[in-house]
């Protein structure tokens, strides 16, 4: 077997291991969030904070393992991509809250009081 073929095979195996590790981490984080709700391991504010933290960790796992954004050679590209994702996330959350608040105001103001 030639050296070029060996290095390609080694790179493939390393890439596959990274993807598998990312998949297992993402699956574990998802199962942790679902089990907290399903089995009632936390309630109220603790549950909300826990699920939010698990979601943030899962976003980092996806960015690191699947999108290959990290502290490598392309730091500027990673930083720009991270900033873009953050802007999109803020826009989506703010837009969703705005729409839901507006719907609540419109629907509840039409309700008869007592």
N, C-alpha and C. Protein backbone atom coordinates (compact mmCIF):
# COMPACT_ATOMS: atom_id res chain seq x y z
N UNK A 1 0.84 -1.17 0.00
CA UNK A 1 0.00 0.00 0.00
C UNK A 1 0.89 1.24 0.00
N UNK A 2 0.59 2.21 -0.81
CA UNK A 2 1.42 3.40 -0.91
C UNK A 2 1.17 4.33 0.27
N UNK A 3 2.12 5.25 0.49
CA UNK A 3 2.01 6.20 1.59
C UNK A 3 0.82 7.15 1.40
N UNK A 4 0.55 7.55 0.15
CA UNK A 4 -0.57 8.45 -0.11
C UNK A 4 -1.89 7.78 0.24
N UNK A 5 -2.00 6.50 -0.09
CA UNK A 5 -3.22 5.77 0.21
C UNK A 5 -3.38 5.57 1.72
N UNK A 6 -2.28 5.31 2.41
CA UNK A 6 -2.34 5.15 3.86
C UNK A 6 -2.77 6.44 4.55
N UNK A 7 -2.22 7.57 4.08
CA UNK A 7 -2.58 8.84 4.71
C UNK A 7 -4.04 9.18 4.44
N UNK A 8 -4.53 8.86 3.23
CA UNK A 8 -5.94 9.10 2.92
C UNK A 8 -6.83 8.23 3.79
N UNK A 9 -6.44 6.98 3.99
CA UNK A 9 -7.21 6.08 4.83
C UNK A 9 -7.21 6.55 6.28
N UNK A 10 -6.08 7.04 6.75
CA UNK A 10 -5.98 7.54 8.13
C UNK A 10 -6.83 8.78 8.31
N UNK A 11 -6.80 9.68 7.34
CA UNK A 11 -7.62 10.90 7.41
C UNK A 11 -9.11 10.55 7.40
N UNK A 12 -9.46 9.57 6.58
CA UNK A 12 -10.86 9.14 6.51
C UNK A 12 -11.30 8.59 7.86
N UNK A 13 -10.48 7.76 8.47
CA UNK A 13 -10.84 7.17 9.76
C UNK A 13 -10.94 8.23 10.85
N UNK A 14 -10.02 9.20 10.84
CA UNK A 14 -10.09 10.28 11.83
C UNK A 14 -11.34 11.12 11.64
N UNK A 15 -11.68 11.43 10.39
CA UNK A 15 -12.89 12.19 10.11
C UNK A 15 -14.14 11.43 10.53
N UNK A 16 -14.15 10.14 10.26
CA UNK A 16 -15.29 9.31 10.64
C UNK A 16 -15.43 9.26 12.16
N UNK A 17 -14.31 9.14 12.87
CA UNK A 17 -14.36 9.11 14.33
C UNK A 17 -14.88 10.42 14.90
N UNK A 18 -14.47 11.54 14.28
CA UNK A 18 -14.97 12.84 14.75
C UNK A 18 -16.48 12.95 14.54
N UNK A 19 -16.95 12.52 13.38
CA UNK A 19 -18.39 12.56 13.11
C UNK A 19 -19.16 11.65 14.05
N UNK A 20 -18.62 10.49 14.31
CA UNK A 20 -19.27 9.55 15.22
C UNK A 20 -19.30 10.11 16.64
N UNK A 21 -18.21 10.72 17.07
CA UNK A 21 -18.18 11.34 18.40
C UNK A 21 -19.20 12.47 18.49
N UNK A 22 -19.30 13.28 17.44
CA UNK A 22 -20.28 14.35 17.41
C UNK A 22 -21.70 13.82 17.46
N UNK A 23 -21.95 12.76 16.70
CA UNK A 23 -23.28 12.15 16.70
C UNK A 23 -23.65 11.63 18.08
N UNK A 24 -22.71 10.96 18.73
CA UNK A 24 -22.98 10.41 20.06
C UNK A 24 -23.20 11.52 21.09
N UNK A 25 -22.41 12.59 21.00
CA UNK A 25 -22.61 13.72 21.91
C UNK A 25 -23.96 14.39 21.68
N UNK A 26 -24.31 14.62 20.42
CA UNK A 26 -25.60 15.25 20.11
C UNK A 26 -26.75 14.38 20.58
N UNK A 27 -26.63 13.08 20.37
CA UNK A 27 -27.67 12.15 20.80
C UNK A 27 -27.80 12.14 22.32
N UNK A 28 -26.67 12.15 23.02
CA UNK A 28 -26.70 12.15 24.49
C UNK A 28 -27.32 13.43 25.03
N UNK A 29 -26.99 14.57 24.42
CA UNK A 29 -27.57 15.84 24.87
C UNK A 29 -29.07 15.88 24.61
N UNK A 30 -29.50 15.36 23.46
CA UNK A 30 -30.93 15.33 23.15
C UNK A 30 -31.67 14.41 24.12
N UNK A 31 -31.11 13.25 24.37
CA UNK A 31 -31.75 12.32 25.31
C UNK A 31 -31.78 12.88 26.73
N UNK A 32 -30.75 13.64 27.10
CA UNK A 32 -30.74 14.26 28.43
C UNK A 32 -31.88 15.27 28.56
N UNK A 33 -32.07 16.08 27.54
CA UNK A 33 -33.14 17.08 27.60
C UNK A 33 -34.51 16.41 27.63
N UNK A 34 -34.71 15.42 26.77
CA UNK A 34 -36.01 14.74 26.75
C UNK A 34 -36.27 13.99 28.05
N UNK A 35 -35.25 13.36 28.62
CA UNK A 35 -35.46 12.60 29.85
C UNK A 35 -35.75 13.53 31.03
N UNK A 36 -35.18 14.73 31.01
CA UNK A 36 -35.49 15.69 32.08
C UNK A 36 -36.97 16.04 32.09
N UNK A 37 -37.55 16.17 30.91
CA UNK A 37 -38.97 16.51 30.82
C UNK A 37 -39.82 15.27 31.06
N UNK A 38 -39.48 14.18 30.40
CA UNK A 38 -40.30 12.97 30.45
C UNK A 38 -40.40 12.39 31.86
N UNK A 39 -39.27 12.33 32.56
CA UNK A 39 -39.26 11.73 33.88
C UNK A 39 -39.43 12.75 35.00
N UNK A 40 -39.59 14.02 34.64
CA UNK A 40 -39.80 15.06 35.65
C UNK A 40 -38.61 15.26 36.56
N UNK A 41 -37.40 15.19 36.01
CA UNK A 41 -36.21 15.34 36.83
C UNK A 41 -36.01 16.77 37.31
N UNK A 42 -36.60 17.71 36.62
CA UNK A 42 -36.54 19.11 37.04
C UNK A 42 -37.87 19.77 36.66
N UNK A 43 -38.21 20.81 37.37
CA UNK A 43 -39.46 21.52 37.10
C UNK A 43 -39.20 23.03 37.11
N UNK A 44 -40.09 23.75 36.46
CA UNK A 44 -40.09 25.20 36.51
C UNK A 44 -38.84 25.84 35.91
N UNK A 45 -38.32 26.78 36.66
CA UNK A 45 -37.18 27.57 36.19
C UNK A 45 -35.92 26.72 36.01
N UNK A 46 -35.72 25.74 36.88
CA UNK A 46 -34.55 24.86 36.77
C UNK A 46 -34.60 24.08 35.46
N UNK A 47 -35.78 23.61 35.10
CA UNK A 47 -35.95 22.87 33.84
C UNK A 47 -35.66 23.77 32.65
N UNK A 48 -36.17 24.98 32.68
CA UNK A 48 -35.96 25.92 31.59
C UNK A 48 -34.48 26.25 31.42
N UNK A 49 -33.80 26.52 32.52
CA UNK A 49 -32.37 26.84 32.46
C UNK A 49 -31.57 25.62 32.00
N UNK A 50 -31.92 24.45 32.47
CA UNK A 50 -31.21 23.23 32.09
C UNK A 50 -31.35 22.94 30.60
N UNK A 51 -32.55 23.05 30.09
CA UNK A 51 -32.77 22.78 28.67
C UNK A 51 -32.08 23.83 27.81
N UNK A 52 -32.08 25.07 28.26
CA UNK A 52 -31.38 26.12 27.53
C UNK A 52 -29.88 25.86 27.48
N UNK A 53 -29.31 25.45 28.59
CA UNK A 53 -27.88 25.12 28.61
C UNK A 53 -27.56 23.92 27.73
N UNK A 54 -28.40 22.90 27.80
CA UNK A 54 -28.18 21.73 26.94
C UNK A 54 -28.28 22.10 25.47
N UNK A 55 -29.20 23.00 25.12
CA UNK A 55 -29.34 23.45 23.74
C UNK A 55 -28.11 24.23 23.29
N UNK A 56 -27.58 25.09 24.17
CA UNK A 56 -26.38 25.85 23.83
C UNK A 56 -25.18 24.93 23.64
N UNK A 57 -25.05 23.94 24.50
CA UNK A 57 -23.96 22.98 24.35
C UNK A 57 -24.12 22.19 23.06
N UNK A 58 -25.34 21.83 22.73
CA UNK A 58 -25.57 21.08 21.51
C UNK A 58 -25.25 21.92 20.27
N UNK A 59 -25.53 23.21 20.33
CA UNK A 59 -25.16 24.08 19.21
C UNK A 59 -23.65 24.10 19.02
N UNK A 60 -22.91 24.15 20.12
CA UNK A 60 -21.45 24.13 20.04
C UNK A 60 -20.97 22.79 19.46
N UNK A 61 -21.58 21.70 19.88
CA UNK A 61 -21.22 20.38 19.35
C UNK A 61 -21.46 20.33 17.84
N UNK A 62 -22.60 20.84 17.38
CA UNK A 62 -22.89 20.84 15.95
C UNK A 62 -21.89 21.70 15.19
N UNK A 63 -21.60 22.88 15.72
CA UNK A 63 -20.65 23.76 15.04
C UNK A 63 -19.26 23.14 14.99
N UNK A 64 -18.86 22.50 16.05
CA UNK A 64 -17.50 21.95 16.14
C UNK A 64 -17.35 20.65 15.33
N UNK A 65 -18.26 19.72 15.50
CA UNK A 65 -18.08 18.40 14.92
C UNK A 65 -18.64 18.27 13.51
N UNK A 66 -19.74 18.94 13.21
CA UNK A 66 -20.37 18.75 11.91
C UNK A 66 -20.04 19.86 10.91
N UNK A 67 -19.95 21.09 11.38
CA UNK A 67 -19.59 22.19 10.49
C UNK A 67 -18.10 22.49 10.51
N UNK A 68 -17.37 21.81 11.39
CA UNK A 68 -15.91 21.91 11.49
C UNK A 68 -15.45 23.34 11.74
N UNK A 69 -16.20 24.07 12.56
CA UNK A 69 -15.81 25.42 12.94
C UNK A 69 -15.10 25.33 14.28
N UNK A 70 -13.89 25.81 14.33
CA UNK A 70 -13.15 25.75 15.58
C UNK A 70 -11.90 26.58 15.50
N UNK A 71 -10.98 26.30 16.39
CA UNK A 71 -9.74 27.06 16.47
C UNK A 71 -8.70 26.41 15.57
N UNK A 72 -8.94 26.42 14.29
CA UNK A 72 -8.00 25.84 13.34
C UNK A 72 -7.33 26.92 12.53
N UNK A 73 -7.05 26.60 11.30
CA UNK A 73 -6.36 27.53 10.42
C UNK A 73 -7.26 28.68 9.99
N UNK A 74 -8.53 28.44 9.85
CA UNK A 74 -9.46 29.45 9.33
C UNK A 74 -10.22 30.13 10.46
N UNK A 75 -9.51 30.79 11.34
CA UNK A 75 -10.16 31.43 12.50
C UNK A 75 -11.07 32.57 12.06
N UNK A 76 -10.66 33.33 11.06
CA UNK A 76 -11.49 34.45 10.61
C UNK A 76 -12.80 33.96 10.03
N UNK A 77 -12.74 32.89 9.25
CA UNK A 77 -13.96 32.33 8.67
C UNK A 77 -14.85 31.77 9.78
N UNK A 78 -14.24 31.11 10.75
CA UNK A 78 -15.02 30.57 11.87
C UNK A 78 -15.67 31.69 12.67
N UNK A 79 -14.94 32.76 12.90
CA UNK A 79 -15.50 33.88 13.65
C UNK A 79 -16.64 34.54 12.89
N UNK A 80 -16.46 34.73 11.59
CA UNK A 80 -17.52 35.33 10.78
C UNK A 80 -18.74 34.42 10.73
N UNK A 81 -18.52 33.13 10.59
CA UNK A 81 -19.65 32.18 10.57
C UNK A 81 -20.36 32.17 11.92
N UNK A 82 -19.61 32.21 13.00
CA UNK A 82 -20.22 32.23 14.32
C UNK A 82 -21.02 33.50 14.55
N UNK A 83 -20.50 34.63 14.10
CA UNK A 83 -21.23 35.90 14.24
C UNK A 83 -22.51 35.87 13.42
N UNK A 84 -22.44 35.31 12.21
CA UNK A 84 -23.61 35.21 11.36
C UNK A 84 -24.68 34.33 12.00
N UNK A 85 -24.26 33.21 12.56
CA UNK A 85 -25.20 32.31 13.24
C UNK A 85 -25.82 33.01 14.44
N UNK A 86 -25.03 33.76 15.18
CA UNK A 86 -25.54 34.48 16.34
C UNK A 86 -26.57 35.54 15.93
N UNK A 87 -26.29 36.26 14.85
CA UNK A 87 -27.24 37.27 14.36
C UNK A 87 -28.54 36.60 13.93
N UNK A 88 -28.43 35.49 13.20
CA UNK A 88 -29.64 34.77 12.78
C UNK A 88 -30.44 34.26 13.98
N UNK A 89 -29.74 33.76 14.96
CA UNK A 89 -30.40 33.24 16.16
C UNK A 89 -31.13 34.36 16.89
N UNK A 90 -30.50 35.50 17.05
CA UNK A 90 -31.13 36.63 17.72
C UNK A 90 -32.36 37.10 16.94
N UNK A 91 -32.23 37.18 15.61
CA UNK A 91 -33.36 37.59 14.79
C UNK A 91 -34.53 36.62 14.91
N UNK A 92 -34.24 35.34 14.89
CA UNK A 92 -35.32 34.35 14.98
C UNK A 92 -36.00 34.38 16.34
N UNK A 93 -35.23 34.45 17.41
CA UNK A 93 -35.82 34.47 18.74
C UNK A 93 -36.60 35.76 18.96
N UNK A 94 -36.02 36.90 18.58
CA UNK A 94 -36.71 38.18 18.76
C UNK A 94 -37.98 38.24 17.91
N UNK A 95 -37.91 37.76 16.68
CA UNK A 95 -39.09 37.75 15.82
C UNK A 95 -40.18 36.85 16.35
N UNK A 96 -39.80 35.71 16.85
CA UNK A 96 -40.78 34.79 17.42
C UNK A 96 -41.46 35.39 18.64
N UNK A 97 -40.66 35.98 19.53
CA UNK A 97 -41.24 36.62 20.71
C UNK A 97 -42.14 37.78 20.34
N UNK A 98 -41.75 38.56 19.36
CA UNK A 98 -42.56 39.69 18.91
C UNK A 98 -43.90 39.20 18.36
N UNK A 99 -43.86 38.19 17.50
CA UNK A 99 -45.09 37.66 16.92
C UNK A 99 -46.00 37.06 17.99
N UNK A 100 -45.42 36.28 18.89
CA UNK A 100 -46.25 35.65 19.93
C UNK A 100 -46.85 36.68 20.88
N UNK A 101 -46.09 37.72 21.22
CA UNK A 101 -46.62 38.78 22.07
C UNK A 101 -47.75 39.52 21.37
N UNK A 102 -47.55 39.81 20.10
CA UNK A 102 -48.59 40.51 19.34
C UNK A 102 -49.86 39.66 19.23
N UNK A 103 -49.69 38.37 18.97
CA UNK A 103 -50.85 37.49 18.90
C UNK A 103 -51.57 37.41 20.24
N UNK A 104 -50.82 37.34 21.32
CA UNK A 104 -51.42 37.29 22.63
C UNK A 104 -52.21 38.57 22.90
N UNK A 105 -51.64 39.71 22.58
CA UNK A 105 -52.33 40.97 22.80
C UNK A 105 -53.60 41.07 21.96
N UNK A 106 -53.50 40.67 20.70
CA UNK A 106 -54.68 40.76 19.82
C UNK A 106 -55.79 39.80 20.24
N UNK A 107 -55.41 38.60 20.65
CA UNK A 107 -56.44 37.61 21.01
C UNK A 107 -57.03 37.89 22.38
N UNK A 108 -56.22 38.30 23.32
CA UNK A 108 -56.70 38.48 24.68
C UNK A 108 -57.43 39.82 24.85
N UNK A 109 -57.14 40.80 24.01
CA UNK A 109 -57.86 42.08 24.14
C UNK A 109 -59.29 41.94 23.64
N UNK A 110 -59.57 40.95 22.82
CA UNK A 110 -60.93 40.74 22.29
C UNK A 110 -61.79 39.91 23.25
N UNK A 111 -61.17 39.34 24.29
CA UNK A 111 -61.90 38.50 25.23
C UNK A 111 -62.77 39.38 26.15
N UNK A 112 -64.01 38.96 26.39
CA UNK A 112 -64.86 39.74 27.32
C UNK A 112 -64.36 39.57 28.75
N UNK A 113 -64.41 40.62 29.51
CA UNK A 113 -63.97 40.54 30.91
C UNK A 113 -65.19 40.48 31.82
N UNK A 114 -65.34 39.36 32.50
CA UNK A 114 -66.32 39.12 33.51
C UNK A 114 -67.70 39.37 33.23
